[in-house]
Amino acid sequence: MFADTGTEAPTANPYTKLMDYDGNGNLLYEGWARAGSMTSQPVWAIKRHQFKGFGGNLREWRADWANGASSQTNVWDNRATLSYA
């Protein structure tokens, strides 16, 4: 897995978006926090994506928020061990 930053200029977007993919290029996690936030701070809204095969094609099956809400209270570094609903 690797994280990809999608940061824009602070004047255009005051947020940082991180994305984490699996080895096949499927999006696993997305996270948003204020620009300049550290990944170890509890200031991230994190969404987990799950995929299933449908008729030979892999498609997104569901997306859930960490701790069941889009609030910015999670640590990006802990994304794999958080609860999602």
PDB file of N, CA and C in Angstrom:
ATOM      1  N   MET A   1       0.832  -1.181   0.000  1.00  0.00           N
ATOM      2  CA  MET A   1       0.000   0.000   0.000  1.00  0.00           C
ATOM      3  C   MET A   1       0.872   1.239   0.000  1.00  0.00           C
ATOM      4  N   PHE A   2       0.347   2.286  -0.599  1.00  0.00           N
ATOM      5  CA  PHE A   2       1.053   3.554  -0.554  1.00  0.00           C
ATOM      6  C   PHE A   2       0.049   4.677  -0.480  1.00  0.00           C
ATOM      7  N   ALA A   3       0.472   5.789   0.054  1.00  0.00           N
ATOM      8  CA  ALA A   3      -0.398   6.957   0.159  1.00  0.00           C
ATOM      9  C   ALA A   3      -0.024   7.951  -0.914  1.00  0.00           C
ATOM     10  N   ASP A   4      -1.021   8.606  -1.454  1.00  0.00           N
ATOM     11  CA  ASP A   4      -0.840   9.587  -2.509  1.00  0.00           C
ATOM     12  C   ASP A   4      -1.430  10.899  -2.016  1.00  0.00           C
ATOM     13  N   THR A   5      -0.671  11.973  -2.050  1.00  0.00           N
ATOM     14  CA  THR A   5      -1.200  13.251  -1.598  1.00  0.00           C
ATOM     15  C   THR A   5      -1.820  13.985  -2.761  1.00  0.00           C
ATOM     16  N   GLY A   6      -2.939  14.609  -2.504  1.00  0.00           N
ATOM     17  CA  GLY A   6      -3.630  15.388  -3.518  1.00  0.00           C
ATOM     18  C   GLY A   6      -3.836  16.800  -3.008  1.00  0.00           C
ATOM     19  N   THR A   7      -2.774  17.452  -2.606  1.00  0.00           N
ATOM     20  CA  THR A   7      -2.853  18.770  -1.998  1.00  0.00           C
ATOM     21  C   THR A   7      -2.863  19.861  -3.063  1.00  0.00           C
ATOM     22  N   GLU A   8      -3.754  20.817  -2.898  1.00  0.00           N
ATOM     23  CA  GLU A   8      -3.793  21.974  -3.777  1.00  0.00           C
ATOM     24  C   GLU A   8      -3.244  23.174  -3.004  1.00  0.00           C
ATOM     25  N   ALA A   9      -3.092  24.270  -3.703  1.00  0.00           N
ATOM     26  CA  ALA A   9      -2.605  25.489  -3.063  1.00  0.00           C
ATOM     27  C   ALA A   9      -3.549  25.876  -1.923  1.00  0.00           C
ATOM     28  N   PRO A  10      -3.021  26.312  -0.772  1.00  0.00           N
ATOM     29  CA  PRO A  10      -3.857  26.651   0.381  1.00  0.00           C
ATOM     30  C   PRO A  10      -4.951  27.662   0.077  1.00  0.00           C
ATOM     31  N   THR A  11      -4.708  28.571  -0.826  1.00  0.00           N
ATOM     32  CA  THR A  11      -5.736  29.558  -1.141  1.00  0.00           C
ATOM     33  C   THR A  11      -6.881  28.931  -1.932  1.00  0.00           C
ATOM     34  N   ALA A  12      -6.606  27.870  -2.688  1.00  0.00           N
ATOM     35  CA  ALA A  12      -7.633  27.213  -3.485  1.00  0.00           C
ATOM     36  C   ALA A  12      -8.387  26.172  -2.664  1.00  0.00           C
ATOM     37  N   ASN A  13      -7.695  25.503  -1.761  1.00  0.00           N
ATOM     38  CA  ASN A  13      -8.304  24.432  -0.989  1.00  0.00           C
ATOM     39  C   ASN A  13      -7.583  24.328   0.355  1.00  0.00           C
ATOM     40  N   PRO A  14      -8.279  24.636   1.457  1.00  0.00           N
ATOM     41  CA  PRO A  14      -7.619  24.593   2.772  1.00  0.00           C
ATOM     42  C   PRO A  14      -7.474  23.178   3.324  1.00  0.00           C
ATOM     43  N   TYR A  15      -7.743  22.156   2.517  1.00  0.00           N
ATOM     44  CA  TYR A  15      -7.669  20.773   2.972  1.00  0.00           C
ATOM     45  C   TYR A  15      -6.627  19.968   2.221  1.00  0.00           C
ATOM     46  N   THR A  16      -6.126  18.943   2.906  1.00  0.00           N
ATOM     47  CA  THR A  16      -5.243  17.951   2.316  1.00  0.00           C
ATOM     48  C   THR A  16      -6.052  16.678   2.165  1.00  0.00           C
ATOM     49  N   LYS A  17      -5.905  16.013   1.039  1.00  0.00           N
ATOM     50  CA  LYS A  17      -6.570  14.733   0.812  1.00  0.00           C
ATOM     51  C   LYS A  17      -5.498  13.678   0.577  1.00  0.00           C
ATOM     52  N   LEU A  18      -5.583  12.578   1.325  1.00  0.00           N
ATOM     53  CA  LEU A  18      -4.681  11.449   1.129  1.00  0.00           C
ATOM     54  C   LEU A  18      -5.485  10.262   0.621  1.00  0.00           C
ATOM     55  N   MET A  19      -4.858   9.446  -0.217  1.00  0.00           N
ATOM     56  CA  MET A  19      -5.488   8.243  -0.735  1.00  0.00           C
ATOM     57  C   MET A  19      -4.523   7.082  -0.588  1.00  0.00           C
ATOM     58  N   ASP A  20      -5.053   5.926  -0.242  1.00  0.00           N
ATOM     59  CA  ASP A  20      -4.257   4.721  -0.041  1.00  0.00           C
ATOM     60  C   ASP A  20      -4.826   3.631  -0.952  1.00  0.00           C
ATOM     61  N   TYR A  21      -3.954   2.993  -1.744  1.00  0.00           N
ATOM     62  CA  TYR A  21      -4.366   1.996  -2.735  1.00  0.00           C
ATOM     63  C   TYR A  21      -3.786   0.631  -2.401  1.00  0.00           C
ATOM     64  N   ASP A  22      -4.458  -0.419  -2.897  1.00  0.00           N
ATOM     65  CA  ASP A  22      -3.890  -1.756  -2.764  1.00  0.00           C
ATOM     66  C   ASP A  22      -2.921  -2.007  -3.924  1.00  0.00           C
ATOM     67  N   GLY A  23      -2.311  -3.183  -3.967  1.00  0.00           N
ATOM     68  CA  GLY A  23      -1.316  -3.501  -4.981  1.00  0.00           C
ATOM     69  C   GLY A  23      -1.866  -3.541  -6.397  1.00  0.00           C
ATOM     70  N   ASN A  24      -3.203  -3.613  -6.549  1.00  0.00           N
ATOM     71  CA  ASN A  24      -3.830  -3.634  -7.868  1.00  0.00           C
ATOM     72  C   ASN A  24      -4.328  -2.263  -8.304  1.00  0.00           C
ATOM     73  N   GLY A  25      -4.060  -1.253  -7.496  1.00  0.00           N
ATOM     74  CA  GLY A  25      -4.487   0.103  -7.841  1.00  0.00           C
ATOM     75  C   GLY A  25      -5.902   0.441  -7.418  1.00  0.00           C
ATOM     76  N   ASN A  26      -6.526  -0.401  -6.590  1.00  0.00           N
ATOM     77  CA  ASN A  26      -7.864  -0.118  -6.084  1.00  0.00           C
ATOM     78  C   ASN A  26      -7.776   0.797  -4.867  1.00  0.00           C
ATOM     79  N   LEU A  27      -8.614   1.807  -4.840  1.00  0.00           N
ATOM     80  CA  LEU A  27      -8.639   2.745  -3.721  1.00  0.00           C
ATOM     81  C   LEU A  27      -9.162   2.052  -2.474  1.00  0.00           C
ATOM     82  N   LEU A  28      -8.384   2.076  -1.401  1.00  0.00           N
ATOM     83  CA  LEU A  28      -8.797   1.479  -0.131  1.00  0.00           C
ATOM     84  C   LEU A  28      -9.298   2.516   0.862  1.00  0.00           C
ATOM     85  N   TYR A  29      -8.559   3.614   1.007  1.00  0.00           N
ATOM     86  CA  TYR A  29      -8.897   4.641   1.990  1.00  0.00           C
ATOM     87  C   TYR A  29      -8.727   6.027   1.382  1.00  0.00           C
ATOM     88  N   GLU A  30      -9.611   6.945   1.805  1.00  0.00           N
ATOM     89  CA  GLU A  30      -9.473   8.368   1.499  1.00  0.00           C
ATOM     90  C   GLU A  30      -9.526   9.110   2.822  1.00  0.00           C
ATOM     91  N   GLY A  31      -8.721  10.152   2.948  1.00  0.00           N
ATOM     92  CA  GLY A  31      -8.735  10.930   4.172  1.00  0.00           C
ATOM     93  C   GLY A  31      -8.632  12.408   3.883  1.00  0.00           C
ATOM     94  N   TRP A  32      -9.325  13.219   4.700  1.00  0.00           N
ATOM     95  CA  TRP A  32      -9.312  14.670   4.562  1.00  0.00           C
ATOM     96  C   TRP A  32      -9.001  15.312   5.910  1.00  0.00           C
ATOM     97  N   ALA A  33      -8.157  16.325   5.861  1.00  0.00           N
ATOM     98  CA  ALA A  33      -7.829  17.113   7.058  1.00  0.00           C
ATOM     99  C   ALA A  33      -7.405  18.499   6.593  1.00  0.00           C
ATOM    100  N   ARG A  34      -7.323  19.409   7.522  1.00  0.00           N
ATOM    101  CA  ARG A  34      -6.838  20.757   7.194  1.00  0.00           C
ATOM    102  C   ARG A  34      -5.434  20.670   6.618  1.00  0.00           C
ATOM    103  N   ALA A  35      -5.146  21.507   5.645  1.00  0.00           N
ATOM    104  CA  ALA A  35      -3.813  21.541   5.033  1.00  0.00           C
ATOM    105  C   ALA A  35      -2.761  21.724   6.124  1.00  0.00           C
ATOM    106  N   GLY A  36      -1.684  20.985   6.019  1.00  0.00           N
ATOM    107  CA  GLY A  36      -0.595  21.079   6.987  1.00  0.00           C
ATOM    108  C   GLY A  36      -0.727  20.132   8.161  1.00  0.00           C
ATOM    109  N   SER A  37      -1.830  19.378   8.246  1.00  0.00           N
ATOM    110  CA  SER A  37      -2.014  18.433   9.354  1.00  0.00           C
ATOM    111  C   SER A  37      -1.067  17.255   9.204  1.00  0.00           C
ATOM    112  N   MET A  38      -0.615  16.743  10.328  1.00  0.00           N
ATOM    113  CA  MET A  38       0.243  15.562  10.325  1.00  0.00           C
ATOM    114  C   MET A  38      -0.637  14.315  10.311  1.00  0.00           C
ATOM    115  N   THR A  39      -0.154  13.244   9.720  1.00  0.00           N
ATOM    116  CA  THR A  39      -0.923  12.004   9.646  1.00  0.00           C
ATOM    117  C   THR A  39      -1.086  11.338  11.005  1.00  0.00           C
ATOM    118  N   SER A  40      -0.317  11.768  11.992  1.00  0.00           N
ATOM    119  CA  SER A  40      -0.401  11.215  13.343  1.00  0.00           C
ATOM    120  C   SER A  40      -1.361  11.998  14.242  1.00  0.00           C
ATOM    121  N   GLN A  41      -1.948  13.080  13.733  1.00  0.00           N
ATOM    122  CA  GLN A  41      -2.877  13.889  14.521  1.00  0.00           C
ATOM    123  C   GLN A  41      -4.309  13.358  14.366  1.00  0.00           C
ATOM    124  N   PRO A  42      -5.132  13.446  15.415  1.00  0.00           N
ATOM    125  CA  PRO A  42      -6.524  12.992  15.329  1.00  0.00           C
ATOM    126  C   PRO A  42      -7.427  14.066  14.703  1.00  0.00           C
ATOM    127  N   VAL A  43      -7.156  14.394  13.449  1.00  0.00           N
ATOM    128  CA  VAL A  43      -7.878  15.473  12.764  1.00  0.00           C
ATOM    129  C   VAL A  43      -8.365  15.043  11.369  1.00  0.00           C
ATOM    130  N   TRP A  44      -8.427  13.736  11.136  1.00  0.00           N
ATOM    131  CA  TRP A  44      -8.740  13.216   9.808  1.00  0.00           C
ATOM    132  C   TRP A  44     -10.147  12.614   9.740  1.00  0.00           C
ATOM    133  N   ALA A  45     -10.859  12.915   8.645  1.00  0.00           N
ATOM    134  CA  ALA A  45     -12.078  12.206   8.273  1.00  0.00           C
ATOM    135  C   ALA A  45     -11.615  11.133   7.294  1.00  0.00           C
ATOM    136  N   ILE A  46     -11.923   9.873   7.568  1.00  0.00           N
ATOM    137  CA  ILE A  46     -11.394   8.761   6.767  1.00  0.00           C
ATOM    138  C   ILE A  46     -12.539   7.892   6.272  1.00  0.00           C
ATOM    139  N   LYS A  47     -12.494   7.570   4.982  1.00  0.00           N
ATOM    140  CA  LYS A  47     -13.481   6.690   4.369  1.00  0.00           C
ATOM    141  C   LYS A  47     -12.771   5.449   3.825  1.00  0.00           C
ATOM    142  N   ARG A  48     -13.339   4.279   4.110  1.00  0.00           N
ATOM    143  CA  ARG A  48     -12.791   3.012   3.600  1.00  0.00           C
ATOM    144  C   ARG A  48     -13.673   2.537   2.446  1.00  0.00           C
ATOM    145  N   HIS A  49     -13.034   2.105   1.368  1.00  0.00           N
ATOM    146  CA  HIS A  49     -13.740   1.590   0.191  1.00  0.00           C
ATOM    147  C   HIS A  49     -13.564   0.088   0.118  1.00  0.00           C
ATOM    148  N   GLN A  50     -14.635  -0.606  -0.231  1.00  0.00           N
ATOM    149  CA  GLN A  50     -14.586  -2.052  -0.404  1.00  0.00           C
ATOM    150  C   GLN A  50     -15.086  -2.398  -1.801  1.00  0.00           C
ATOM    151  N   PHE A  51     -14.475  -3.393  -2.408  1.00  0.00           N
ATOM    152  CA  PHE A  51     -14.799  -3.776  -3.774  1.00  0.00           C
ATOM    153  C   PHE A  51     -15.193  -5.241  -3.831  1.00  0.00           C
ATOM    154  N   LYS A  52     -16.050  -5.567  -4.807  1.00  0.00           N
ATOM    155  CA  LYS A  52     -16.453  -6.942  -5.081  1.00  0.00           C
ATOM    156  C   LYS A  52     -16.467  -7.142  -6.583  1.00  0.00           C
ATOM    157  N   GLY A  53     -16.337  -8.392  -6.994  1.00  0.00           N
ATOM    158  CA  GLY A  53     -16.421  -8.713  -8.407  1.00  0.00           C
ATOM    159  C   GLY A  53     -17.865  -8.922  -8.827  1.00  0.00           C
ATOM    160  N   PHE A  54     -18.267  -8.264  -9.903  1.00  0.00           N
ATOM    161  CA  PHE A  54     -19.604  -8.407 -10.466  1.00  0.00           C
ATOM    162  C   PHE A  54     -19.454  -8.749 -11.943  1.00  0.00           C
ATOM    163  N   GLY A  55     -19.823  -9.962 -12.318  1.00  0.00           N
ATOM    164  CA  GLY A  55     -19.734 -10.362 -13.714  1.00  0.00           C
ATOM    165  C   GLY A  55     -18.335 -10.238 -14.288  1.00  0.00           C
ATOM    166  N   GLY A  56     -17.322 -10.535 -13.490  1.00  0.00           N
ATOM    167  CA  GLY A  56     -15.943 -10.458 -13.950  1.00  0.00           C
ATOM    168  C   GLY A  56     -15.312  -9.083 -13.829  1.00  0.00           C
ATOM    169  N   ASN A  57     -16.083  -8.093 -13.399  1.00  0.00           N
ATOM    170  CA  ASN A  57     -15.561  -6.730 -13.223  1.00  0.00           C
ATOM    171  C   ASN A  57     -15.552  -6.367 -11.753  1.00  0.00           C
ATOM    172  N   LEU A  58     -14.493  -5.756 -11.311  1.00  0.00           N
ATOM    173  CA  LEU A  58     -14.385  -5.308  -9.931  1.00  0.00           C
ATOM    174  C   LEU A  58     -15.026  -3.928  -9.820  1.00  0.00           C
ATOM    175  N   ARG A  59     -15.978  -3.794  -8.905  1.00  0.00           N
ATOM    176  CA  ARG A  59     -16.668  -2.519  -8.708  1.00  0.00           C
ATOM    177  C   ARG A  59     -16.756  -2.209  -7.221  1.00  0.00           C
ATOM    178  N   GLU A  60     -16.872  -0.915  -6.938  1.00  0.00           N
ATOM    179  CA  GLU A  60     -17.019  -0.528  -5.534  1.00  0.00           C
ATOM    180  C   GLU A  60     -18.334  -1.077  -5.005  1.00  0.00           C
ATOM    181  N   TRP A  61     -18.228  -1.745  -3.874  1.00  0.00           N
ATOM    182  CA  TRP A  61     -19.383  -2.370  -3.260  1.00  0.00           C
ATOM    183  C   TRP A  61     -19.969  -1.464  -2.185  1.00  0.00           C
ATOM    184  N   ARG A  62     -19.101  -0.880  -1.387  1.00  0.00           N
ATOM    185  CA  ARG A  62     -19.558   0.033  -0.332  1.00  0.00           C
ATOM    186  C   ARG A  62     -18.413   0.901   0.150  1.00  0.00           C
ATOM    187  N   ALA A  63     -18.765   2.024   0.746  1.00  0.00           N
ATOM    188  CA  ALA A  63     -17.785   2.935   1.348  1.00  0.00           C
ATOM    189  C   ALA A  63     -18.321   3.320   2.718  1.00  0.00           C
ATOM    190  N   ASP A  64     -17.478   3.204   3.732  1.00  0.00           N
ATOM    191  CA  ASP A  64     -17.882   3.487   5.107  1.00  0.00           C
ATOM    192  C   ASP A  64     -16.924   4.483   5.748  1.00  0.00           C
ATOM    193  N   TRP A  65     -17.449   5.273   6.671  1.00  0.00           N
ATOM    194  CA  TRP A  65     -16.643   6.242   7.407  1.00  0.00           C
ATOM    195  C   TRP A  65     -16.050   5.612   8.660  1.00  0.00           C
ATOM    196  N   ALA A  66     -14.859   6.044   9.013  1.00  0.00           N
ATOM    197  CA  ALA A  66     -14.229   5.608  10.269  1.00  0.00           C
ATOM    198  C   ALA A  66     -15.112   6.044  11.427  1.00  0.00           C
ATOM    199  N   ASN A  67     -15.366   5.126  12.332  1.00  0.00           N
ATOM    200  CA  ASN A  67     -16.209   5.353  13.502  1.00  0.00           C
ATOM    201  C   ASN A  67     -17.622   5.794  13.130  1.00  0.00           C
ATOM    202  N   GLY A  68     -18.052   5.480  11.897  1.00  0.00           N
ATOM    203  CA  GLY A  68     -19.422   5.719  11.473  1.00  0.00           C
ATOM    204  C   GLY A  68     -19.797   7.158  11.193  1.00  0.00           C
ATOM    205  N   ALA A  69     -18.824   8.058  11.111  1.00  0.00           N
ATOM    206  CA  ALA A  69     -19.143   9.468  10.885  1.00  0.00           C
ATOM    207  C   ALA A  69     -18.035  10.146  10.088  1.00  0.00           C
ATOM    208  N   SER A  70     -18.383  11.214   9.412  1.00  0.00           N
ATOM    209  CA  SER A  70     -17.406  11.948   8.606  1.00  0.00           C
ATOM    210  C   SER A  70     -16.662  13.016   9.409  1.00  0.00           C
ATOM    211  N   SER A  71     -16.725  12.925  10.728  1.00  0.00           N
ATOM    212  CA  SER A  71     -16.052  13.911  11.571  1.00  0.00           C
ATOM    213  C   SER A  71     -14.528  13.755  11.491  1.00  0.00           C
ATOM    214  N   GLN A  72     -13.843  14.847  11.653  1.00  0.00           N
ATOM    215  CA  GLN A  72     -12.377  14.870  11.566  1.00  0.00           C
ATOM    216  C   GLN A  72     -11.777  14.620  12.946  1.00  0.00           C
ATOM    217  N   THR A  73     -11.855  13.353  13.374  1.00  0.00           N
ATOM    218  CA  THR A  73     -11.391  12.990  14.711  1.00  0.00           C
ATOM    219  C   THR A  73     -10.500  11.751  14.697  1.00  0.00           C
ATOM    220  N   ASN A  74     -10.060  11.329  13.534  1.00  0.00           N
ATOM    221  CA  ASN A  74      -9.293  10.089  13.412  1.00  0.00           C
ATOM    222  C   ASN A  74      -7.848  10.351  13.024  1.00  0.00           C
ATOM    223  N   VAL A  75      -7.000   9.360  13.253  1.00  0.00           N
ATOM    224  CA  VAL A  75      -5.582   9.428  12.916  1.00  0.00           C
ATOM    225  C   VAL A  75      -5.366   8.658  11.606  1.00  0.00           C
ATOM    226  N   TRP A  76      -4.870   9.336  10.581  1.00  0.00           N
ATOM    227  CA  TRP A  76      -4.641   8.700   9.283  1.00  0.00           C
ATOM    228  C   TRP A  76      -3.737   7.472   9.415  1.00  0.00           C
ATOM    229  N   ASP A  77      -2.715   7.568  10.230  1.00  0.00           N
ATOM    230  CA  ASP A  77      -1.776   6.463  10.407  1.00  0.00           C
ATOM    231  C   ASP A  77      -2.455   5.193  10.938  1.00  0.00           C
ATOM    232  N   ASN A  78      -3.616   5.325  11.576  1.00  0.00           N
ATOM    233  CA  ASN A  78      -4.332   4.187  12.162  1.00  0.00           C
ATOM    234  C   ASN A  78      -5.469   3.689  11.272  1.00  0.00           C
ATOM    235  N   ARG A  79      -5.563   4.147  10.045  1.00  0.00           N
ATOM    236  CA  ARG A  79      -6.713   3.874   9.189  1.00  0.00           C
ATOM    237  C   ARG A  79      -7.040   2.386   9.038  1.00  0.00           C
ATOM    238  N   ALA A  80      -6.048   1.519   9.020  1.00  0.00           N
ATOM    239  CA  ALA A  80      -6.288   0.091   8.806  1.00  0.00           C
ATOM    240  C   ALA A  80      -6.888  -0.594  10.045  1.00  0.00           C
ATOM    241  N   THR A  81      -6.755   0.007  11.217  1.00  0.00           N
ATOM    242  CA  THR A  81      -7.239  -0.630  12.447  1.00  0.00           C
ATOM    243  C   THR A  81      -8.474   0.050  13.024  1.00  0.00           C
ATOM    244  N   LEU A  82      -8.987   1.076  12.378  1.00  0.00           N
ATOM    245  CA  LEU A  82     -10.187   1.771  12.866  1.00  0.00           C
ATOM    246  C   LEU A  82     -11.425   0.955  12.560  1.00  0.00           C
ATOM    247  N   SER A  83     -12.535   1.260  13.251  1.00  0.00           N
ATOM    248  CA  SER A  83     -13.832   0.639  12.987  1.00  0.00           C
ATOM    249  C   SER A  83     -14.556   1.462  11.944  1.00  0.00           C
ATOM    250  N   TYR A  84     -15.228   0.801  11.006  1.00  0.00           N
ATOM    251  CA  TYR A  84     -15.933   1.496   9.927  1.00  0.00           C
ATOM    252  C   TYR A  84     -17.381   1.060   9.878  1.00  0.00           C
ATOM    253  N   ALA A  85     -18.263   2.045   9.638  1.00  0.00           N
ATOM    254  CA  ALA A  85     -19.701   1.756   9.515  1.00  0.00           C
ATOM    255  C   ALA A  85     -20.344   2.785   8.613  1.00  0.00           C
TER     256      ALA A  85
END
